[in-house]
Amino acid sequence: MATVTIAKCPRKKTKDVYRVDFYCPETQMKKYYGTFKRKSDAKAAKAKLEVTIDGGELIEMPRANRSLRNKTVNHFCDLKKKSGKDANKKGVSALSQLQDI
């Protein structure tokens, strides 16, 4: 039997979220599966995960959005400079460019 847990995680500025963890059958260690805004979503993920583990299938972890992970402030400053230069060539003021962002 798979051991999958749902934990309620309180937040200061937003509503509570629900974290789904499971015990990996190979390593016997607790692993993170996902965080959900609604309890019903967490229960559905728990049921799906239990079926997957009990069936002996490979557990596919949901991918987090990591597109900004390796970006630095300089990266965004360079993008802003490039967009400003393009705007000046087209005759659009830098102020209107800032308002678009």
PDB file of N, CA and C in Angstrom:
ATOM      1  N   MET A   1       0.844  -1.190   0.000  1.00  0.00           N
ATOM      2  CA  MET A   1       0.000   0.000   0.000  1.00  0.00           C
ATOM      3  C   MET A   1       0.879   1.239   0.000  1.00  0.00           C
ATOM      4  N   ALA A   2       0.553   2.154  -0.858  1.00  0.00           N
ATOM      5  CA  ALA A   2       1.314   3.401  -0.979  1.00  0.00           C
ATOM      6  C   ALA A   2       0.972   4.342   0.169  1.00  0.00           C
ATOM      7  N   THR A   3       1.977   5.052   0.636  1.00  0.00           N
ATOM      8  CA  THR A   3       1.768   6.039   1.676  1.00  0.00           C
ATOM      9  C   THR A   3       1.892   7.418   1.051  1.00  0.00           C
ATOM     10  N   VAL A   4       0.755   8.054   0.849  1.00  0.00           N
ATOM     11  CA  VAL A   4       0.707   9.396   0.269  1.00  0.00           C
ATOM     12  C   VAL A   4       0.017  10.289   1.283  1.00  0.00           C
ATOM     13  N   THR A   5       0.601  11.452   1.546  1.00  0.00           N
ATOM     14  CA  THR A   5       0.045  12.351   2.556  1.00  0.00           C
ATOM     15  C   THR A   5      -0.303  13.694   1.939  1.00  0.00           C
ATOM     16  N   ILE A   6      -1.327  14.328   2.507  1.00  0.00           N
ATOM     17  CA  ILE A   6      -1.704  15.693   2.150  1.00  0.00           C
ATOM     18  C   ILE A   6      -1.532  16.539   3.393  1.00  0.00           C
ATOM     19  N   ALA A   7      -0.755  17.614   3.268  1.00  0.00           N
ATOM     20  CA  ALA A   7      -0.526  18.514   4.394  1.00  0.00           C
ATOM     21  C   ALA A   7      -1.026  19.907   4.021  1.00  0.00           C
ATOM     22  N   LYS A   8      -1.754  20.525   4.938  1.00  0.00           N
ATOM     23  CA  LYS A   8      -2.255  21.873   4.723  1.00  0.00           C
ATOM     24  C   LYS A   8      -1.149  22.851   5.110  1.00  0.00           C
ATOM     25  N   CYS A   9      -0.789  23.724   4.180  1.00  0.00           N
ATOM     26  CA  CYS A   9       0.289  24.684   4.416  1.00  0.00           C
ATOM     27  C   CYS A   9      -0.293  26.093   4.467  1.00  0.00           C
ATOM     28  N   PRO A  10      -0.312  26.715   5.631  1.00  0.00           N
ATOM     29  CA  PRO A  10      -0.865  28.067   5.726  1.00  0.00           C
ATOM     30  C   PRO A  10       0.065  29.098   5.082  1.00  0.00           C
ATOM     31  N   ARG A  11      -0.518  30.127   4.508  1.00  0.00           N
ATOM     32  CA  ARG A  11       0.225  31.232   3.904  1.00  0.00           C
ATOM     33  C   ARG A  11      -0.227  32.528   4.553  1.00  0.00           C
ATOM     34  N   LYS A  12       0.666  33.498   4.619  1.00  0.00           N
ATOM     35  CA  LYS A  12       0.338  34.766   5.272  1.00  0.00           C
ATOM     36  C   LYS A  12      -0.568  35.650   4.410  1.00  0.00           C
ATOM     37  N   LYS A  13      -0.227  35.787   3.131  1.00  0.00           N
ATOM     38  CA  LYS A  13      -0.936  36.751   2.294  1.00  0.00           C
ATOM     39  C   LYS A  13      -1.962  36.131   1.352  1.00  0.00           C
ATOM     40  N   THR A  14      -1.940  34.824   1.193  1.00  0.00           N
ATOM     41  CA  THR A  14      -2.895  34.159   0.306  1.00  0.00           C
ATOM     42  C   THR A  14      -3.605  33.046   1.064  1.00  0.00           C
ATOM     43  N   LYS A  15      -4.469  32.345   0.355  1.00  0.00           N
ATOM     44  CA  LYS A  15      -5.168  31.223   0.976  1.00  0.00           C
ATOM     45  C   LYS A  15      -4.213  30.066   1.214  1.00  0.00           C
ATOM     46  N   ASP A  16      -4.634  29.136   2.039  1.00  0.00           N
ATOM     47  CA  ASP A  16      -3.819  27.957   2.324  1.00  0.00           C
ATOM     48  C   ASP A  16      -3.642  27.113   1.069  1.00  0.00           C
ATOM     49  N   VAL A  17      -2.521  26.405   1.006  1.00  0.00           N
ATOM     50  CA  VAL A  17      -2.264  25.480  -0.098  1.00  0.00           C
ATOM     51  C   VAL A  17      -2.093  24.086   0.487  1.00  0.00           C
ATOM     52  N   TYR A  18      -2.174  23.092  -0.373  1.00  0.00           N
ATOM     53  CA  TYR A  18      -2.089  21.702   0.063  1.00  0.00           C
ATOM     54  C   TYR A  18      -0.908  21.029  -0.618  1.00  0.00           C
ATOM     55  N   ARG A  19      -0.040  20.444   0.188  1.00  0.00           N
ATOM     56  CA  ARG A  19       1.181  19.810  -0.300  1.00  0.00           C
ATOM     57  C   ARG A  19       0.989  18.300  -0.289  1.00  0.00           C
ATOM     58  N   VAL A  20       1.356  17.656  -1.401  1.00  0.00           N
ATOM     59  CA  VAL A  20       1.237  16.203  -1.520  1.00  0.00           C
ATOM     60  C   VAL A  20       2.638  15.601  -1.494  1.00  0.00           C
ATOM     61  N   ASP A  21       2.864  14.703  -0.545  1.00  0.00           N
ATOM     62  CA  ASP A  21       4.129  13.983  -0.411  1.00  0.00           C
ATOM     63  C   ASP A  21       3.860  12.494  -0.467  1.00  0.00           C
ATOM     64  N   PHE A  22       4.901  11.720  -0.785  1.00  0.00           N
ATOM     65  CA  PHE A  22       4.764  10.271  -0.797  1.00  0.00           C
ATOM     66  C   PHE A  22       6.063   9.642  -0.338  1.00  0.00           C
ATOM     67  N   TYR A  23       5.970   8.397   0.126  1.00  0.00           N
ATOM     68  CA  TYR A  23       7.162   7.649   0.493  1.00  0.00           C
ATOM     69  C   TYR A  23       7.574   6.825  -0.709  1.00  0.00           C
ATOM     70  N   CYS A  24       8.794   7.062  -1.182  1.00  0.00           N
ATOM     71  CA  CYS A  24       9.320   6.340  -2.334  1.00  0.00           C
ATOM     72  C   CYS A  24       9.518   4.876  -1.949  1.00  0.00           C
ATOM     73  N   PRO A  25       8.950   3.927  -2.696  1.00  0.00           N
ATOM     74  CA  PRO A  25       9.071   2.516  -2.333  1.00  0.00           C
ATOM     75  C   PRO A  25      10.512   1.992  -2.432  1.00  0.00           C
ATOM     76  N   GLU A  26      11.326   2.610  -3.280  1.00  0.00           N
ATOM     77  CA  GLU A  26      12.702   2.143  -3.447  1.00  0.00           C
ATOM     78  C   GLU A  26      13.612   2.615  -2.317  1.00  0.00           C
ATOM     79  N   THR A  27      13.518   3.904  -1.971  1.00  0.00           N
ATOM     80  CA  THR A  27      14.432   4.478  -0.976  1.00  0.00           C
ATOM     81  C   THR A  27      13.830   4.583   0.419  1.00  0.00           C
ATOM     82  N   GLN A  28      12.520   4.399   0.542  1.00  0.00           N
ATOM     83  CA  GLN A  28      11.798   4.535   1.815  1.00  0.00           C
ATOM     84  C   GLN A  28      11.980   5.934   2.417  1.00  0.00           C
ATOM     85  N   MET A  29      12.115   6.920   1.545  1.00  0.00           N
ATOM     86  CA  MET A  29      12.242   8.308   2.009  1.00  0.00           C
ATOM     87  C   MET A  29      11.048   9.113   1.504  1.00  0.00           C
ATOM     88  N   LYS A  30      10.676  10.115   2.273  1.00  0.00           N
ATOM     89  CA  LYS A  30       9.566  10.973   1.902  1.00  0.00           C
ATOM     90  C   LYS A  30      10.011  11.917   0.790  1.00  0.00           C
ATOM     91  N   LYS A  31       9.204  12.019  -0.280  1.00  0.00           N
ATOM     92  CA  LYS A  31       9.520  12.888  -1.406  1.00  0.00           C
ATOM     93  C   LYS A  31       8.343  13.801  -1.697  1.00  0.00           C
ATOM     94  N   TYR A  32       8.670  14.976  -2.186  1.00  0.00           N
ATOM     95  CA  TYR A  32       7.671  15.973  -2.549  1.00  0.00           C
ATOM     96  C   TYR A  32       7.082  15.637  -3.910  1.00  0.00           C
ATOM     97  N   TYR A  33       5.760  15.746  -4.043  1.00  0.00           N
ATOM     98  CA  TYR A  33       5.107  15.499  -5.334  1.00  0.00           C
ATOM     99  C   TYR A  33       4.553  16.786  -5.944  1.00  0.00           C
ATOM    100  N   GLY A  34       3.858  17.593  -5.166  1.00  0.00           N
ATOM    101  CA  GLY A  34       3.298  18.818  -5.726  1.00  0.00           C
ATOM    102  C   GLY A  34       2.536  19.630  -4.704  1.00  0.00           C
ATOM    103  N   THR A  35       2.255  20.883  -5.066  1.00  0.00           N
ATOM    104  CA  THR A  35       1.474  21.788  -4.235  1.00  0.00           C
ATOM    105  C   THR A  35       0.248  22.216  -5.020  1.00  0.00           C
ATOM    106  N   PHE A  36      -0.900  22.233  -4.353  1.00  0.00           N
ATOM    107  CA  PHE A  36      -2.163  22.524  -5.023  1.00  0.00           C
ATOM    108  C   PHE A  36      -2.931  23.585  -4.246  1.00  0.00           C
ATOM    109  N   LYS A  37      -3.652  24.437  -4.972  1.00  0.00           N
ATOM    110  CA  LYS A  37      -4.420  25.504  -4.340  1.00  0.00           C
ATOM    111  C   LYS A  37      -5.702  24.984  -3.711  1.00  0.00           C
ATOM    112  N   ARG A  38      -6.282  23.946  -4.308  1.00  0.00           N
ATOM    113  CA  ARG A  38      -7.550  23.418  -3.803  1.00  0.00           C
ATOM    114  C   ARG A  38      -7.353  22.018  -3.229  1.00  0.00           C
ATOM    115  N   LYS A  39      -8.098  21.724  -2.195  1.00  0.00           N
ATOM    116  CA  LYS A  39      -8.006  20.418  -1.559  1.00  0.00           C
ATOM    117  C   LYS A  39      -8.481  19.315  -2.500  1.00  0.00           C
ATOM    118  N   SER A  40      -9.464  19.622  -3.318  1.00  0.00           N
ATOM    119  CA  SER A  40      -9.969  18.618  -4.261  1.00  0.00           C
ATOM    120  C   SER A  40      -8.892  18.235  -5.276  1.00  0.00           C
ATOM    121  N   ASP A  41      -8.083  19.211  -5.707  1.00  0.00           N
ATOM    122  CA  ASP A  41      -6.983  18.913  -6.624  1.00  0.00           C
ATOM    123  C   ASP A  41      -5.936  18.038  -5.938  1.00  0.00           C
ATOM    124  N   ALA A  42      -5.673  18.322  -4.666  1.00  0.00           N
ATOM    125  CA  ALA A  42      -4.698  17.537  -3.911  1.00  0.00           C
ATOM    126  C   ALA A  42      -5.196  16.102  -3.718  1.00  0.00           C
ATOM    127  N   LYS A  43      -6.496  15.943  -3.446  1.00  0.00           N
ATOM    128  CA  LYS A  43      -7.060  14.597  -3.289  1.00  0.00           C
ATOM    129  C   LYS A  43      -6.994  13.813  -4.595  1.00  0.00           C
ATOM    130  N   ALA A  44      -7.237  14.485  -5.721  1.00  0.00           N
ATOM    131  CA  ALA A  44      -7.166  13.819  -7.024  1.00  0.00           C
ATOM    132  C   ALA A  44      -5.734  13.386  -7.326  1.00  0.00           C
ATOM    133  N   ALA A  45      -4.781  14.248  -6.999  1.00  0.00           N
ATOM    134  CA  ALA A  45      -3.370  13.901  -7.213  1.00  0.00           C
ATOM    135  C   ALA A  45      -2.959  12.747  -6.300  1.00  0.00           C
ATOM    136  N   LYS A  46      -3.486  12.738  -5.078  1.00  0.00           N
ATOM    137  CA  LYS A  46      -3.181  11.662  -4.138  1.00  0.00           C
ATOM    138  C   LYS A  46      -3.704  10.327  -4.664  1.00  0.00           C
ATOM    139  N   ALA A  47      -4.941  10.324  -5.159  1.00  0.00           N
ATOM    140  CA  ALA A  47      -5.526   9.089  -5.689  1.00  0.00           C
ATOM    141  C   ALA A  47      -4.743   8.585  -6.896  1.00  0.00           C
ATOM    142  N   LYS A  48      -4.387   9.493  -7.782  1.00  0.00           N
ATOM    143  CA  LYS A  48      -3.614   9.121  -8.965  1.00  0.00           C
ATOM    144  C   LYS A  48      -2.248   8.562  -8.572  1.00  0.00           C
ATOM    145  N   LEU A  49      -1.611   9.192  -7.605  1.00  0.00           N
ATOM    146  CA  LEU A  49      -0.289   8.759  -7.153  1.00  0.00           C
ATOM    147  C   LEU A  49      -0.348   7.391  -6.477  1.00  0.00           C
ATOM    148  N   GLU A  50      -1.390   7.152  -5.686  1.00  0.00           N
ATOM    149  CA  GLU A  50      -1.535   5.844  -5.027  1.00  0.00           C
ATOM    150  C   GLU A  50      -1.699   4.729  -6.057  1.00  0.00           C
ATOM    151  N   VAL A  51      -2.504   4.981  -7.080  1.00  0.00           N
ATOM    152  CA  VAL A  51      -2.706   3.978  -8.128  1.00  0.00           C
ATOM    153  C   VAL A  51      -1.389   3.716  -8.867  1.00  0.00           C
ATOM    154  N   THR A  52      -0.651   4.780  -9.137  1.00  0.00           N
ATOM    155  CA  THR A  52       0.620   4.653  -9.845  1.00  0.00           C
ATOM    156  C   THR A  52       1.628   3.846  -9.037  1.00  0.00           C
ATOM    157  N   ILE A  53       1.745   4.144  -7.742  1.00  0.00           N
ATOM    158  CA  ILE A  53       2.708   3.441  -6.892  1.00  0.00           C
ATOM    159  C   ILE A  53       2.303   1.989  -6.705  1.00  0.00           C
ATOM    160  N   ASP A  54       1.020   1.744  -6.444  1.00  0.00           N
ATOM    161  CA  ASP A  54       0.555   0.369  -6.236  1.00  0.00           C
ATOM    162  C   ASP A  54       0.670  -0.466  -7.506  1.00  0.00           C
ATOM    163  N   GLY A  55       0.570   0.182  -8.665  1.00  0.00           N
ATOM    164  CA  GLY A  55       0.701  -0.526  -9.936  1.00  0.00           C
ATOM    165  C   GLY A  55       2.146  -0.798 -10.317  1.00  0.00           C
ATOM    166  N   GLY A  56       3.081  -0.218  -9.561  1.00  0.00           N
ATOM    167  CA  GLY A  56       4.496  -0.439  -9.835  1.00  0.00           C
ATOM    168  C   GLY A  56       5.021   0.379 -10.997  1.00  0.00           C
ATOM    169  N   GLU A  57       4.303   1.415 -11.390  1.00  0.00           N
ATOM    170  CA  GLU A  57       4.735   2.248 -12.500  1.00  0.00           C
ATOM    171  C   GLU A  57       5.729   3.303 -12.020  1.00  0.00           C
ATOM    172  N   LEU A  58       6.436   3.891 -12.988  1.00  0.00           N
ATOM    173  CA  LEU A  58       7.382   4.949 -12.696  1.00  0.00           C
ATOM    174  C   LEU A  58       6.610   6.220 -12.348  1.00  0.00           C
ATOM    175  N   ILE A  59       7.034   6.897 -11.299  1.00  0.00           N
ATOM    176  CA  ILE A  59       6.344   8.100 -10.836  1.00  0.00           C
ATOM    177  C   ILE A  59       6.889   9.291 -11.605  1.00  0.00           C
ATOM    178  N   GLU A  60       6.009   9.992 -12.318  1.00  0.00           N
ATOM    179  CA  GLU A  60       6.403  11.176 -13.057  1.00  0.00           C
ATOM    180  C   GLU A  60       6.090  12.395 -12.218  1.00  0.00           C
ATOM    181  N   MET A  61       7.123  13.138 -11.892  1.00  0.00           N
ATOM    182  CA  MET A  61       6.956  14.335 -11.078  1.00  0.00           C
ATOM    183  C   MET A  61       6.536  15.494 -11.982  1.00  0.00           C
ATOM    184  N   PRO A  62       5.578  16.320 -11.531  1.00  0.00           N
ATOM    185  CA  PRO A  62       5.217  17.484 -12.336  1.00  0.00           C
ATOM    186  C   PRO A  62       6.385  18.470 -12.397  1.00  0.00           C
ATOM    187  N   ARG A  63       6.636  19.023 -13.562  1.00  0.00           N
ATOM    188  CA  ARG A  63       7.743  19.946 -13.764  1.00  0.00           C
ATOM    189  C   ARG A  63       7.350  21.339 -13.307  1.00  0.00           C
ATOM    190  N   ALA A  64       8.196  21.954 -12.516  1.00  0.00           N
ATOM    191  CA  ALA A  64       7.965  23.331 -12.106  1.00  0.00           C
ATOM    192  C   ALA A  64       8.474  24.264 -13.201  1.00  0.00           C
ATOM    193  N   ASN A  65       7.933  25.444 -13.251  1.00  0.00           N
ATOM    194  CA  ASN A  65       8.384  26.427 -14.229  1.00  0.00           C
ATOM    195  C   ASN A  65       9.721  26.989 -13.772  1.00  0.00           C
ATOM    196  N   ARG A  66      10.770  26.615 -14.453  1.00  0.00           N
ATOM    197  CA  ARG A  66      12.107  27.049 -14.064  1.00  0.00           C
ATOM    198  C   ARG A  66      12.753  27.902 -15.144  1.00  0.00           C
ATOM    199  N   SER A  67      11.946  28.562 -15.944  1.00  0.00           N
ATOM    200  CA  SER A  67      12.493  29.345 -17.039  1.00  0.00           C
ATOM    201  C   SER A  67      13.258  30.570 -16.544  1.00  0.00           C
ATOM    202  N   LEU A  68      12.955  31.071 -15.365  1.00  0.00           N
ATOM    203  CA  LEU A  68      13.629  32.256 -14.833  1.00  0.00           C
ATOM    204  C   LEU A  68      14.714  31.919 -13.821  1.00  0.00           C
ATOM    205  N   ARG A  69      14.938  30.656 -13.564  1.00  0.00           N
ATOM    206  CA  ARG A  69      15.831  30.266 -12.490  1.00  0.00           C
ATOM    207  C   ARG A  69      17.258  30.784 -12.678  1.00  0.00           C
ATOM    208  N   ASN A  70      17.839  30.677 -13.862  1.00  0.00           N
ATOM    209  CA  ASN A  70      19.232  31.057 -14.069  1.00  0.00           C
ATOM    210  C   ASN A  70      19.397  32.466 -14.622  1.00  0.00           C
ATOM    211  N   LYS A  71      18.364  33.254 -14.580  1.00  0.00           N
ATOM    212  CA  LYS A  71      18.432  34.619 -15.078  1.00  0.00           C
ATOM    213  C   LYS A  71      18.894  35.544 -13.962  1.00  0.00           C
ATOM    214  N   THR A  72      19.683  36.536 -14.339  1.00  0.00           N
ATOM    215  CA  THR A  72      20.168  37.512 -13.371  1.00  0.00           C
ATOM    216  C   THR A  72      19.531  38.860 -13.657  1.00  0.00           C
ATOM    217  N   VAL A  73      19.771  39.815 -12.776  1.00  0.00           N
ATOM    218  CA  VAL A  73      19.252  41.160 -12.970  1.00  0.00           C
ATOM    219  C   VAL A  73      19.867  41.766 -14.225  1.00  0.00           C
ATOM    220  N   ASN A  74      21.147  41.496 -14.452  1.00  0.00           N
ATOM    221  CA  ASN A  74      21.803  42.024 -15.655  1.00  0.00           C
ATOM    222  C   ASN A  74      21.129  41.521 -16.923  1.00  0.00           C
ATOM    223  N   HIS A  75      20.668  40.288 -16.898  1.00  0.00           N
ATOM    224  CA  HIS A  75      19.970  39.738 -18.061  1.00  0.00           C
ATOM    225  C   HIS A  75      18.741  40.574 -18.399  1.00  0.00           C
ATOM    226  N   PHE A  76      17.954  40.919 -17.396  1.00  0.00           N
ATOM    227  CA  PHE A  76      16.742  41.698 -17.621  1.00  0.00           C
ATOM    228  C   PHE A  76      17.067  43.150 -17.976  1.00  0.00           C
ATOM    229  N   CYS A  77      18.147  43.682 -17.416  1.00  0.00           N
ATOM    230  CA  CYS A  77      18.569  45.040 -17.776  1.00  0.00           C
ATOM    231  C   CYS A  77      18.980  45.095 -19.242  1.00  0.00           C
ATOM    232  N   ASP A  78      19.706  44.076 -19.691  1.00  0.00           N
ATOM    233  CA  ASP A  78      20.102  44.021 -21.102  1.00  0.00           C
ATOM    234  C   ASP A  78      18.886  43.925 -22.009  1.00  0.00           C
ATOM    235  N   LEU A  79      17.900  43.115 -21.618  1.00  0.00           N
ATOM    236  CA  LEU A  79      16.673  43.026 -22.406  1.00  0.00           C
ATOM    237  C   LEU A  79      15.964  44.379 -22.488  1.00  0.00           C
ATOM    238  N   LYS A  80      15.942  45.085 -21.369  1.00  0.00           N
ATOM    239  CA  LYS A  80      15.281  46.388 -21.324  1.00  0.00           C
ATOM    240  C   LYS A  80      16.005  47.389 -22.215  1.00  0.00           C
ATOM    241  N   LYS A  81      17.353  47.357 -22.175  1.00  0.00           N
ATOM    242  CA  LYS A  81      18.130  48.270 -23.018  1.00  0.00           C
ATOM    243  C   LYS A  81      17.865  47.993 -24.496  1.00  0.00           C
ATOM    244  N   LYS A  82      17.824  46.706 -24.853  1.00  0.00           N
ATOM    245  CA  LYS A  82      17.578  46.336 -26.244  1.00  0.00           C
ATOM    246  C   LYS A  82      16.194  46.795 -26.684  1.00  0.00           C
ATOM    247  N   SER A  83      15.204  46.596 -25.828  1.00  0.00           N
ATOM    248  CA  SER A  83      13.840  47.002 -26.211  1.00  0.00           C
ATOM    249  C   SER A  83      13.745  48.519 -26.282  1.00  0.00           C
ATOM    250  N   GLY A  84      14.492  49.239 -25.443  1.00  0.00           N
ATOM    251  CA  GLY A  84      14.508  50.699 -25.489  1.00  0.00           C
ATOM    252  C   GLY A  84      15.137  51.214 -26.761  1.00  0.00           C
ATOM    253  N   LYS A  85      16.234  50.575 -27.195  1.00  0.00           N
ATOM    254  CA  LYS A  85      16.902  50.985 -28.434  1.00  0.00           C
ATOM    255  C   LYS A  85      15.990  50.741 -29.627  1.00  0.00           C
ATOM    256  N   ASP A  86      15.304  49.603 -29.619  1.00  0.00           N
ATOM    257  CA  ASP A  86      14.370  49.309 -30.702  1.00  0.00           C
ATOM    258  C   ASP A  86      13.228  50.324 -30.727  1.00  0.00           C
ATOM    259  N   ALA A  87      12.766  50.715 -29.558  1.00  0.00           N
ATOM    260  CA  ALA A  87      11.661  51.662 -29.480  1.00  0.00           C
ATOM    261  C   ALA A  87      12.100  53.027 -29.982  1.00  0.00           C
ATOM    262  N   ASN A  88      13.320  53.433 -29.645  1.00  0.00           N
ATOM    263  CA  ASN A  88      13.808  54.729 -30.106  1.00  0.00           C
ATOM    264  C   ASN A  88      13.956  54.748 -31.619  1.00  0.00           C
ATOM    265  N   LYS A  89      14.321  53.627 -32.201  1.00  0.00           N
ATOM    266  CA  LYS A  89      14.427  53.553 -33.659  1.00  0.00           C
ATOM    267  C   LYS A  89      13.052  53.695 -34.300  1.00  0.00           C
ATOM    268  N   LYS A  90      12.049  53.183 -33.654  1.00  0.00           N
ATOM    269  CA  LYS A  90      10.698  53.217 -34.207  1.00  0.00           C
ATOM    270  C   LYS A  90       9.975  54.521 -33.887  1.00  0.00           C
ATOM    271  N   GLY A  91      10.545  55.323 -32.977  1.00  0.00           N
ATOM    272  CA  GLY A  91       9.926  56.591 -32.632  1.00  0.00           C
ATOM    273  C   GLY A  91       8.967  56.502 -31.458  1.00  0.00           C
ATOM    274  N   VAL A  92       9.025  55.450 -30.687  1.00  0.00           N
ATOM    275  CA  VAL A  92       8.163  55.289 -29.524  1.00  0.00           C
ATOM    276  C   VAL A  92       8.954  55.716 -28.297  1.00  0.00           C
ATOM    277  N   SER A  93       8.328  56.443 -27.402  1.00  0.00           N
ATOM    278  CA  SER A  93       9.040  56.927 -26.224  1.00  0.00           C
ATOM    279  C   SER A  93       9.312  55.786 -25.246  1.00  0.00           C
ATOM    280  N   ALA A  94      10.342  55.976 -24.439  1.00  0.00           N
ATOM    281  CA  ALA A  94      10.709  54.970 -23.450  1.00  0.00           C
ATOM    282  C   ALA A  94       9.635  54.864 -22.370  1.00  0.00           C
ATOM    283  N   LEU A  95       8.931  55.952 -22.107  1.00  0.00           N
ATOM    284  CA  LEU A  95       7.875  55.928 -21.093  1.00  0.00           C
ATOM    285  C   LEU A  95       6.743  55.005 -21.487  1.00  0.00           C
ATOM    286  N   SER A  96       6.355  55.017 -22.726  1.00  0.00           N
ATOM    287  CA  SER A  96       5.285  54.117 -23.158  1.00  0.00           C
ATOM    288  C   SER A  96       5.743  52.674 -23.128  1.00  0.00           C
ATOM    289  N   GLN A  97       7.050  52.448 -23.355  1.00  0.00           N
ATOM    290  CA  GLN A  97       7.592  51.105 -23.256  1.00  0.00           C
ATOM    291  C   GLN A  97       7.505  50.589 -21.826  1.00  0.00           C
ATOM    292  N   LEU A  98       7.782  51.441 -20.853  1.00  0.00           N
ATOM    293  CA  LEU A  98       7.706  51.032 -19.441  1.00  0.00           C
ATOM    294  C   LEU A  98       6.271  50.717 -19.043  1.00  0.00           C
ATOM    295  N   GLN A  99       5.326  51.457 -19.588  1.00  0.00           N
ATOM    296  CA  GLN A  99       3.936  51.220 -19.246  1.00  0.00           C
ATOM    297  C   GLN A  99       3.435  49.893 -19.799  1.00  0.00           C
ATOM    298  N   ASP A 100       4.024  49.430 -20.882  1.00  0.00           N
ATOM    299  CA  ASP A 100       3.631  48.138 -21.459  1.00  0.00           C
ATOM    300  C   ASP A 100       4.064  46.986 -20.582  1.00  0.00           C
ATOM    301  N   ILE A 101       5.113  47.162 -19.848  1.00  0.00           N
ATOM    302  CA  ILE A 101       5.630  46.078 -19.002  1.00  0.00           C
ATOM    303  C   ILE A 101       4.904  46.085 -17.732  1.00  0.00           C
TER     304      ILE A 101
END
